[in-house]
Amino acid sequence: MAQEEKKFFKRMDWLSFLSLGFFLVLFGTIWIATPNLNEEVNAFFKPENWRLENVTGNIVFPVPKQNYPRLYTAVMQFCLIFGAFHIVILALRFILHEPLNKMGGTLSGIVFWLCAGFLLNMLVNISINWFTFLAGLIISLGLSIIVAGIVRLFKKV
C-alpha cells in the first residue's frame, strides 16, 4: 500500500493544482473588485440584449446590441493575469525538470490566455467588432493547439 501511495503522489501534478487554485482566487478577486459586475453579466446574457446579424448569405450569428466595457475589461484583466501566471508555472516546470508534455500544455495556455486578453483589450477600445473578436478567439485556440503540438514534437526528436 505504501508503494501505491508513493506512485500516486509521484504522478500528482501539483503545479496544475496550484494553477486551479490561482484560477479560482483570481476569478473571485476580479468578481469582487469590479463594481456592478454581477448586473453587467446578467445584462450580457439576457436574450433581449442580443440581435441576429447576417454574416454572409443565409448565415446569421448573435451579436450583443451594445458594448459592455466593464465586463470586457474584467475578463481582459483575468486573461492577462492568468496568462502571466502561466509564465510563472512554465518557469517552475523548467526548474522542476517536468516532462515536455506538461510544458507544452502550459505554453499552450500562455498563448491562449494572452491572445484572448489582447483581443478583449481591442474589443474594449472598439478597435475590433464582435465577429473579429470571435474569429480571433478561434485563431488563438488553434494557435495554442499548434504550439502544444510543436513542443510535443520535440519530445519525439
N, C-alpha and C. Protein backbone atom coordinates (compact mmCIF):
# COMPACT_ATOMS: atom_id res chain seq x y z
N MET A 1 0.82 -1.19 0.00
CA MET A 1 0.00 0.00 0.00
C MET A 1 0.86 1.26 0.00
N ALA A 2 1.95 1.24 0.71
CA ALA A 2 2.83 2.41 0.76
C ALA A 2 3.44 2.68 -0.61
N GLN A 3 3.72 1.62 -1.35
CA GLN A 3 4.28 1.77 -2.69
C GLN A 3 3.26 2.44 -3.62
N GLU A 4 1.98 2.04 -3.53
CA GLU A 4 0.93 2.65 -4.36
C GLU A 4 0.76 4.12 -4.01
N GLU A 5 0.86 4.43 -2.73
CA GLU A 5 0.73 5.82 -2.29
C GLU A 5 1.86 6.67 -2.84
N LYS A 6 3.07 6.14 -2.86
CA LYS A 6 4.21 6.87 -3.41
C LYS A 6 4.01 7.13 -4.90
N LYS A 7 3.52 6.11 -5.64
CA LYS A 7 3.28 6.28 -7.06
C LYS A 7 2.21 7.34 -7.31
N PHE A 8 1.17 7.34 -6.47
CA PHE A 8 0.10 8.32 -6.61
C PHE A 8 0.64 9.74 -6.44
N PHE A 9 1.43 9.96 -5.41
CA PHE A 9 1.97 11.30 -5.16
C PHE A 9 3.02 11.69 -6.20
N LYS A 10 3.68 10.70 -6.78
CA LYS A 10 4.66 11.00 -7.81
C LYS A 10 3.96 11.44 -9.10
N ARG A 11 2.79 10.87 -9.37
CA ARG A 11 2.03 11.23 -10.57
C ARG A 11 1.26 12.53 -10.41
N MET A 12 1.04 12.97 -9.18
CA MET A 12 0.27 14.19 -8.94
C MET A 12 0.97 15.38 -9.58
N ASP A 13 0.20 16.21 -10.24
CA ASP A 13 0.73 17.41 -10.86
C ASP A 13 0.37 18.58 -9.95
N TRP A 14 1.26 18.86 -9.02
CA TRP A 14 0.99 19.91 -8.04
C TRP A 14 0.88 21.29 -8.67
N LEU A 15 1.60 21.51 -9.76
CA LEU A 15 1.53 22.81 -10.41
C LEU A 15 0.16 23.02 -11.08
N SER A 16 -0.47 21.95 -11.52
CA SER A 16 -1.82 22.08 -12.07
C SER A 16 -2.81 22.41 -10.97
N PHE A 17 -2.63 21.83 -9.80
CA PHE A 17 -3.50 22.17 -8.67
C PHE A 17 -3.28 23.62 -8.24
N LEU A 18 -2.03 24.05 -8.26
CA LEU A 18 -1.71 25.44 -7.96
C LEU A 18 -2.37 26.37 -8.97
N SER A 19 -2.33 25.98 -10.23
CA SER A 19 -2.96 26.77 -11.29
C SER A 19 -4.48 26.84 -11.11
N LEU A 20 -5.09 25.73 -10.75
CA LEU A 20 -6.53 25.72 -10.50
C LEU A 20 -6.88 26.62 -9.32
N GLY A 21 -6.11 26.52 -8.26
CA GLY A 21 -6.35 27.39 -7.10
C GLY A 21 -6.21 28.86 -7.44
N PHE A 22 -5.18 29.19 -8.22
CA PHE A 22 -4.99 30.58 -8.63
C PHE A 22 -6.14 31.03 -9.52
N PHE A 23 -6.60 30.15 -10.40
CA PHE A 23 -7.74 30.46 -11.26
C PHE A 23 -8.95 30.86 -10.42
N LEU A 24 -9.26 30.06 -9.41
CA LEU A 24 -10.43 30.33 -8.57
C LEU A 24 -10.26 31.61 -7.75
N VAL A 25 -9.07 31.81 -7.18
CA VAL A 25 -8.82 33.01 -6.39
C VAL A 25 -8.88 34.25 -7.27
N LEU A 26 -8.28 34.18 -8.45
CA LEU A 26 -8.29 35.32 -9.36
C LEU A 26 -9.70 35.63 -9.83
N PHE A 27 -10.47 34.61 -10.15
CA PHE A 27 -11.85 34.80 -10.57
C PHE A 27 -12.65 35.50 -9.48
N GLY A 28 -12.53 35.00 -8.26
CA GLY A 28 -13.25 35.61 -7.13
C GLY A 28 -12.79 37.03 -6.87
N THR A 29 -11.50 37.27 -6.95
CA THR A 29 -10.96 38.60 -6.69
C THR A 29 -11.46 39.61 -7.72
N ILE A 30 -11.42 39.24 -8.99
CA ILE A 30 -11.89 40.15 -10.03
C ILE A 30 -13.40 40.35 -9.92
N TRP A 31 -14.12 39.30 -9.59
CA TRP A 31 -15.57 39.41 -9.43
C TRP A 31 -15.92 40.39 -8.32
N ILE A 32 -15.20 40.30 -7.21
CA ILE A 32 -15.47 41.18 -6.06
C ILE A 32 -14.97 42.60 -6.32
N ALA A 33 -13.82 42.72 -6.96
CA ALA A 33 -13.19 44.03 -7.14
C ALA A 33 -13.85 44.88 -8.23
N THR A 34 -14.57 44.26 -9.15
CA THR A 34 -15.20 45.01 -10.23
C THR A 34 -16.61 45.43 -9.81
N PRO A 35 -16.86 46.73 -9.72
CA PRO A 35 -18.20 47.17 -9.28
C PRO A 35 -19.28 46.82 -10.30
N ASN A 36 -20.40 46.37 -9.80
CA ASN A 36 -21.60 46.03 -10.59
C ASN A 36 -21.34 44.96 -11.66
N LEU A 37 -20.39 44.11 -11.44
CA LEU A 37 -20.09 43.08 -12.43
C LEU A 37 -21.24 42.08 -12.54
N ASN A 38 -21.88 41.79 -11.43
CA ASN A 38 -23.00 40.85 -11.44
C ASN A 38 -24.11 41.34 -12.36
N GLU A 39 -24.46 42.62 -12.26
CA GLU A 39 -25.51 43.18 -13.10
C GLU A 39 -25.08 43.20 -14.57
N GLU A 40 -23.79 43.49 -14.80
CA GLU A 40 -23.26 43.53 -16.17
C GLU A 40 -23.32 42.14 -16.81
N VAL A 41 -22.97 41.12 -16.06
CA VAL A 41 -23.02 39.75 -16.58
C VAL A 41 -24.46 39.35 -16.86
N ASN A 42 -25.37 39.68 -15.94
CA ASN A 42 -26.78 39.37 -16.16
C ASN A 42 -27.32 40.07 -17.40
N ALA A 43 -26.96 41.34 -17.59
CA ALA A 43 -27.41 42.08 -18.77
C ALA A 43 -26.82 41.48 -20.05
N PHE A 44 -25.57 41.05 -19.99
CA PHE A 44 -24.91 40.48 -21.17
C PHE A 44 -25.63 39.22 -21.65
N PHE A 45 -26.08 38.39 -20.72
CA PHE A 45 -26.67 37.10 -21.10
C PHE A 45 -28.19 37.15 -21.29
N LYS A 46 -28.81 38.30 -21.13
CA LYS A 46 -30.25 38.39 -21.39
C LYS A 46 -30.51 38.29 -22.89
N PRO A 47 -31.45 37.44 -23.29
CA PRO A 47 -31.72 37.26 -24.73
C PRO A 47 -32.13 38.55 -25.44
N GLU A 48 -32.81 39.45 -24.76
CA GLU A 48 -33.26 40.68 -25.41
C GLU A 48 -32.12 41.66 -25.69
N ASN A 49 -30.95 41.40 -25.14
CA ASN A 49 -29.79 42.26 -25.40
C ASN A 49 -28.92 41.75 -26.55
N TRP A 50 -29.45 40.80 -27.31
CA TRP A 50 -28.75 40.24 -28.45
C TRP A 50 -29.60 40.40 -29.70
N ARG A 51 -28.96 40.49 -30.83
CA ARG A 51 -29.65 40.53 -32.11
C ARG A 51 -28.94 39.59 -33.07
N LEU A 52 -29.68 39.12 -34.05
CA LEU A 52 -29.08 38.27 -35.07
C LEU A 52 -28.61 39.16 -36.21
N GLU A 53 -27.36 38.93 -36.63
CA GLU A 53 -26.79 39.72 -37.71
C GLU A 53 -26.38 38.78 -38.84
N ASN A 54 -26.72 39.19 -40.03
CA ASN A 54 -26.41 38.41 -41.22
C ASN A 54 -24.92 38.54 -41.53
N VAL A 55 -24.22 37.41 -41.58
CA VAL A 55 -22.79 37.43 -41.88
C VAL A 55 -22.60 37.37 -43.39
N THR A 56 -23.02 36.29 -43.98
CA THR A 56 -22.99 36.15 -45.44
C THR A 56 -24.13 35.24 -45.86
N GLY A 57 -24.83 35.62 -46.86
CA GLY A 57 -25.91 34.77 -47.38
C GLY A 57 -26.94 34.45 -46.31
N ASN A 58 -27.08 33.17 -46.01
CA ASN A 58 -28.07 32.71 -45.03
C ASN A 58 -27.48 32.48 -43.65
N ILE A 59 -26.23 32.86 -43.44
CA ILE A 59 -25.57 32.61 -42.16
C ILE A 59 -25.78 33.82 -41.25
N VAL A 60 -26.39 33.55 -40.09
CA VAL A 60 -26.60 34.61 -39.09
C VAL A 60 -25.99 34.18 -37.77
N PHE A 61 -25.45 35.16 -37.06
CA PHE A 61 -24.87 34.92 -35.74
C PHE A 61 -25.41 35.94 -34.75
N PRO A 62 -25.50 35.56 -33.49
CA PRO A 62 -25.93 36.54 -32.48
C PRO A 62 -24.81 37.54 -32.17
N VAL A 63 -25.21 38.78 -31.98
CA VAL A 63 -24.29 39.87 -31.67
C VAL A 63 -24.89 40.67 -30.53
N PRO A 64 -24.07 41.07 -29.53
CA PRO A 64 -24.63 41.93 -28.48
C PRO A 64 -25.09 43.26 -29.07
N LYS A 65 -26.22 43.76 -28.58
CA LYS A 65 -26.76 45.02 -29.08
C LYS A 65 -25.93 46.22 -28.63
N GLN A 66 -25.24 46.06 -27.52
CA GLN A 66 -24.44 47.17 -27.02
C GLN A 66 -23.08 46.67 -26.55
N ASN A 67 -22.21 47.60 -26.25
CA ASN A 67 -20.87 47.28 -25.76
C ASN A 67 -20.94 47.14 -24.23
N TYR A 68 -20.19 46.23 -23.68
CA TYR A 68 -20.13 46.02 -22.23
C TYR A 68 -18.69 46.22 -21.75
N PRO A 69 -18.20 47.45 -21.72
CA PRO A 69 -16.78 47.68 -21.43
C PRO A 69 -16.34 47.20 -20.05
N ARG A 70 -17.20 47.31 -19.04
CA ARG A 70 -16.81 46.87 -17.70
C ARG A 70 -16.62 45.35 -17.67
N LEU A 71 -17.53 44.63 -18.31
CA LEU A 71 -17.43 43.17 -18.38
C LEU A 71 -16.21 42.76 -19.19
N TYR A 72 -16.03 43.37 -20.35
CA TYR A 72 -14.89 43.04 -21.21
C TYR A 72 -13.57 43.35 -20.51
N THR A 73 -13.53 44.45 -19.78
CA THR A 73 -12.30 44.82 -19.06
C THR A 73 -12.00 43.82 -17.96
N ALA A 74 -13.02 43.39 -17.23
CA ALA A 74 -12.80 42.41 -16.16
C ALA A 74 -12.29 41.09 -16.73
N VAL A 75 -12.88 40.65 -17.84
CA VAL A 75 -12.43 39.39 -18.45
C VAL A 75 -11.03 39.56 -19.03
N MET A 76 -10.75 40.74 -19.60
CA MET A 76 -9.41 41.02 -20.13
C MET A 76 -8.37 40.95 -19.02
N GLN A 77 -8.66 41.57 -17.89
CA GLN A 77 -7.73 41.54 -16.76
C GLN A 77 -7.50 40.11 -16.31
N PHE A 78 -8.57 39.33 -16.23
CA PHE A 78 -8.43 37.93 -15.84
C PHE A 78 -7.51 37.19 -16.80
N CYS A 79 -7.75 37.35 -18.10
CA CYS A 79 -6.95 36.64 -19.11
C CYS A 79 -5.48 37.03 -19.04
N LEU A 80 -5.20 38.32 -18.91
CA LEU A 80 -3.81 38.76 -18.89
C LEU A 80 -3.08 38.31 -17.62
N ILE A 81 -3.75 38.40 -16.49
CA ILE A 81 -3.12 37.97 -15.24
C ILE A 81 -2.92 36.45 -15.23
N PHE A 82 -3.93 35.72 -15.70
CA PHE A 82 -3.81 34.26 -15.73
C PHE A 82 -2.75 33.82 -16.73
N GLY A 83 -2.63 34.53 -17.85
CA GLY A 83 -1.58 34.24 -18.82
C GLY A 83 -0.20 34.49 -18.23
N ALA A 84 -0.06 35.59 -17.49
CA ALA A 84 1.22 35.89 -16.83
C ALA A 84 1.53 34.83 -15.77
N PHE A 85 0.51 34.36 -15.07
CA PHE A 85 0.71 33.31 -14.08
C PHE A 85 1.20 32.02 -14.75
N HIS A 86 0.70 31.74 -15.95
CA HIS A 86 1.16 30.57 -16.68
C HIS A 86 2.64 30.68 -17.03
N ILE A 87 3.12 31.89 -17.23
CA ILE A 87 4.56 32.08 -17.48
C ILE A 87 5.35 31.64 -16.25
N VAL A 88 4.85 31.99 -15.06
CA VAL A 88 5.49 31.56 -13.81
C VAL A 88 5.44 30.04 -13.69
N ILE A 89 4.31 29.46 -14.01
CA ILE A 89 4.17 27.99 -13.95
C ILE A 89 5.15 27.33 -14.92
N LEU A 90 5.30 27.91 -16.12
CA LEU A 90 6.25 27.35 -17.09
C LEU A 90 7.67 27.40 -16.55
N ALA A 91 8.03 28.51 -15.92
CA ALA A 91 9.37 28.63 -15.32
C ALA A 91 9.55 27.56 -14.24
N LEU A 92 8.53 27.35 -13.42
CA LEU A 92 8.62 26.32 -12.38
C LEU A 92 8.74 24.92 -13.00
N ARG A 93 8.05 24.70 -14.11
CA ARG A 93 8.14 23.39 -14.78
C ARG A 93 9.57 23.17 -15.30
N PHE A 94 10.22 24.23 -15.80
CA PHE A 94 11.62 24.11 -16.22
C PHE A 94 12.52 23.82 -15.03
N ILE A 95 12.32 24.54 -13.93
CA ILE A 95 13.15 24.36 -12.73
C ILE A 95 13.00 22.94 -12.17
N LEU A 96 11.76 22.43 -12.18
CA LEU A 96 11.50 21.10 -11.63
C LEU A 96 11.75 19.98 -12.64
N HIS A 97 12.22 20.32 -13.84
CA HIS A 97 12.52 19.34 -14.89
C HIS A 97 11.33 18.44 -15.18
N GLU A 98 10.18 19.07 -15.38
CA GLU A 98 8.97 18.31 -15.70
C GLU A 98 8.99 17.91 -17.17
N PRO A 99 8.19 16.94 -17.56
CA PRO A 99 8.18 16.46 -18.95
C PRO A 99 7.75 17.55 -19.94
N LEU A 100 8.24 17.41 -21.17
CA LEU A 100 7.89 18.36 -22.23
C LEU A 100 6.38 18.40 -22.46
N ASN A 101 5.73 17.29 -22.24
CA ASN A 101 4.29 17.21 -22.40
C ASN A 101 3.58 18.27 -21.55
N LYS A 102 3.96 18.36 -20.29
CA LYS A 102 3.35 19.34 -19.38
C LYS A 102 3.78 20.76 -19.73
N MET A 103 5.02 20.92 -20.15
CA MET A 103 5.49 22.25 -20.55
C MET A 103 4.74 22.74 -21.78
N GLY A 104 4.46 21.83 -22.69
CA GLY A 104 3.71 22.18 -23.89
C GLY A 104 2.30 22.65 -23.56
N GLY A 105 1.67 21.97 -22.63
CA GLY A 105 0.34 22.38 -22.20
C GLY A 105 0.35 23.75 -21.56
N THR A 106 1.36 24.02 -20.75
CA THR A 106 1.47 25.31 -20.10
C THR A 106 1.76 26.41 -21.12
N LEU A 107 2.64 26.13 -22.05
CA LEU A 107 2.95 27.10 -23.10
C LEU A 107 1.71 27.38 -23.96
N SER A 108 0.95 26.35 -24.22
CA SER A 108 -0.31 26.50 -24.94
C SER A 108 -1.27 27.41 -24.18
N GLY A 109 -1.33 27.24 -22.87
CA GLY A 109 -2.16 28.11 -22.04
C GLY A 109 -1.71 29.56 -22.09
N ILE A 110 -0.40 29.78 -22.08
CA ILE A 110 0.14 31.14 -22.16
C ILE A 110 -0.33 31.80 -23.45
N VAL A 111 -0.19 31.09 -24.55
CA VAL A 111 -0.57 31.64 -25.86
C VAL A 111 -2.06 31.99 -25.87
N PHE A 112 -2.90 31.05 -25.41
CA PHE A 112 -4.34 31.30 -25.46
C PHE A 112 -4.75 32.46 -24.58
N TRP A 113 -4.34 32.45 -23.31
CA TRP A 113 -4.81 33.47 -22.37
C TRP A 113 -4.31 34.86 -22.74
N LEU A 114 -3.06 34.96 -23.19
CA LEU A 114 -2.54 36.29 -23.56
C LEU A 114 -3.17 36.79 -24.86
N CYS A 115 -3.40 35.89 -25.81
CA CYS A 115 -4.09 36.30 -27.04
C CYS A 115 -5.53 36.73 -26.74
N ALA A 116 -6.21 35.98 -25.89
CA ALA A 116 -7.58 36.35 -25.53
C ALA A 116 -7.61 37.71 -24.82
N GLY A 117 -6.65 37.95 -23.93
CA GLY A 117 -6.57 39.25 -23.26
C GLY A 117 -6.32 40.38 -24.24
N PHE A 118 -5.44 40.15 -25.20
CA PHE A 118 -5.16 41.16 -26.23
C PHE A 118 -6.41 41.45 -27.06
N LEU A 119 -7.13 40.40 -27.46
CA LEU A 119 -8.35 40.59 -28.24
C LEU A 119 -9.43 41.32 -27.44
N LEU A 120 -9.54 41.00 -26.17
CA LEU A 120 -10.51 41.70 -25.32
C LEU A 120 -10.13 43.16 -25.14
N ASN A 121 -8.84 43.45 -25.07
CA ASN A 121 -8.39 44.84 -25.00
C ASN A 121 -8.83 45.60 -26.25
N MET A 122 -8.69 44.96 -27.39
CA MET A 122 -9.12 45.59 -28.63
C MET A 122 -10.64 45.76 -28.67
N LEU A 123 -11.37 44.81 -28.10
CA LEU A 123 -12.83 44.90 -28.06
C LEU A 123 -13.27 46.03 -27.13
N VAL A 124 -12.58 46.18 -26.01
CA VAL A 124 -12.91 47.27 -25.07
C VAL A 124 -12.68 48.62 -25.73
N ASN A 125 -11.59 48.74 -26.48
CA ASN A 125 -11.26 50.01 -27.14
C ASN A 125 -12.00 50.20 -28.46
N ILE A 126 -12.90 49.28 -28.77
CA ILE A 126 -13.70 49.30 -30.00
C ILE A 126 -12.79 49.38 -31.24
N SER A 127 -11.65 48.71 -31.17
CA SER A 127 -10.76 48.59 -32.33
C SER A 127 -11.21 47.47 -33.26
N ILE A 128 -11.96 46.52 -32.71
CA ILE A 128 -12.48 45.41 -33.50
C ILE A 128 -13.95 45.24 -33.16
N ASN A 129 -14.68 44.56 -34.04
CA ASN A 129 -16.09 44.29 -33.75
C ASN A 129 -16.23 42.88 -33.17
N TRP A 130 -17.47 42.52 -32.88
CA TRP A 130 -17.75 41.24 -32.22
C TRP A 130 -17.28 40.05 -33.06
N PHE A 131 -17.52 40.11 -34.37
CA PHE A 131 -17.14 38.98 -35.23
C PHE A 131 -15.63 38.83 -35.33
N THR A 132 -14.93 39.94 -35.36
CA THR A 132 -13.47 39.88 -35.40
C THR A 132 -12.95 39.29 -34.09
N PHE A 133 -13.59 39.66 -32.99
CA PHE A 133 -13.21 39.09 -31.69
C PHE A 133 -13.40 37.58 -31.68
N LEU A 134 -14.55 37.11 -32.14
CA LEU A 134 -14.80 35.67 -32.17
C LEU A 134 -13.82 34.94 -33.09
N ALA A 135 -13.55 35.54 -34.24
CA ALA A 135 -12.57 34.94 -35.16
C ALA A 135 -11.19 34.88 -34.51
N GLY A 136 -10.82 35.95 -33.81
CA GLY A 136 -9.53 35.97 -33.13
C GLY A 136 -9.44 34.91 -32.04
N LEU A 137 -10.54 34.69 -31.31
CA LEU A 137 -10.54 33.63 -30.29
C LEU A 137 -10.35 32.26 -30.92
N ILE A 138 -11.00 32.03 -32.05
CA ILE A 138 -10.85 30.74 -32.73
C ILE A 138 -9.41 30.58 -33.22
N ILE A 139 -8.84 31.64 -33.76
CA ILE A 139 -7.45 31.59 -34.23
C ILE A 139 -6.50 31.35 -33.06
N SER A 140 -6.73 32.03 -31.93
CA SER A 140 -5.83 31.85 -30.78
C SER A 140 -5.96 30.44 -30.21
N LEU A 141 -7.14 29.87 -30.26
CA LEU A 141 -7.31 28.48 -29.83
C LEU A 141 -6.51 27.55 -30.74
N GLY A 142 -6.61 27.76 -32.05
CA GLY A 142 -5.84 26.95 -32.99
C GLY A 142 -4.35 27.14 -32.82
N LEU A 143 -3.93 28.39 -32.58
CA LEU A 143 -2.52 28.68 -32.37
C LEU A 143 -1.99 27.98 -31.12
N SER A 144 -2.79 27.96 -30.07
CA SER A 144 -2.34 27.29 -28.85
C SER A 144 -2.23 25.78 -29.05
N ILE A 145 -3.11 25.21 -29.85
CA ILE A 145 -3.02 23.78 -30.17
C ILE A 145 -1.76 23.50 -30.98
N ILE A 146 -1.47 24.37 -31.93
CA ILE A 146 -0.26 24.21 -32.75
C ILE A 146 1.00 24.31 -31.89
N VAL A 147 1.03 25.28 -30.97
CA VAL A 147 2.20 25.45 -30.09
C VAL A 147 2.40 24.20 -29.24
N ALA A 148 1.32 23.68 -28.69
CA ALA A 148 1.44 22.46 -27.88
C ALA A 148 1.93 21.29 -28.74
N GLY A 149 1.45 21.20 -29.96
CA GLY A 149 1.90 20.14 -30.86
C GLY A 149 3.37 20.25 -31.22
N ILE A 150 3.83 21.48 -31.45
CA ILE A 150 5.25 21.68 -31.78
C ILE A 150 6.14 21.27 -30.61
N VAL A 151 5.73 21.63 -29.40
CA VAL A 151 6.52 21.25 -28.22
C VAL A 151 6.53 19.74 -28.07
N ARG A 152 5.42 19.10 -28.33
CA ARG A 152 5.37 17.63 -28.23
C ARG A 152 6.22 16.96 -29.31
N LEU A 153 6.40 17.64 -30.43
CA LEU A 153 7.27 17.10 -31.49
C LEU A 153 8.72 17.02 -31.01
N PHE A 154 9.13 17.98 -30.19
CA PHE A 154 10.50 17.95 -29.66
C PHE A 154 10.73 16.72 -28.80
N LYS A 155 9.67 16.22 -28.18
CA LYS A 155 9.78 15.02 -27.36
C LYS A 155 10.13 13.81 -28.23
N LYS A 156 9.65 13.80 -29.46
CA LYS A 156 9.88 12.68 -30.37
C LYS A 156 11.30 12.69 -30.94
N VAL A 157 11.89 13.89 -31.04
CA VAL A 157 13.21 14.02 -31.67
C VAL A 157 14.30 13.56 -30.75
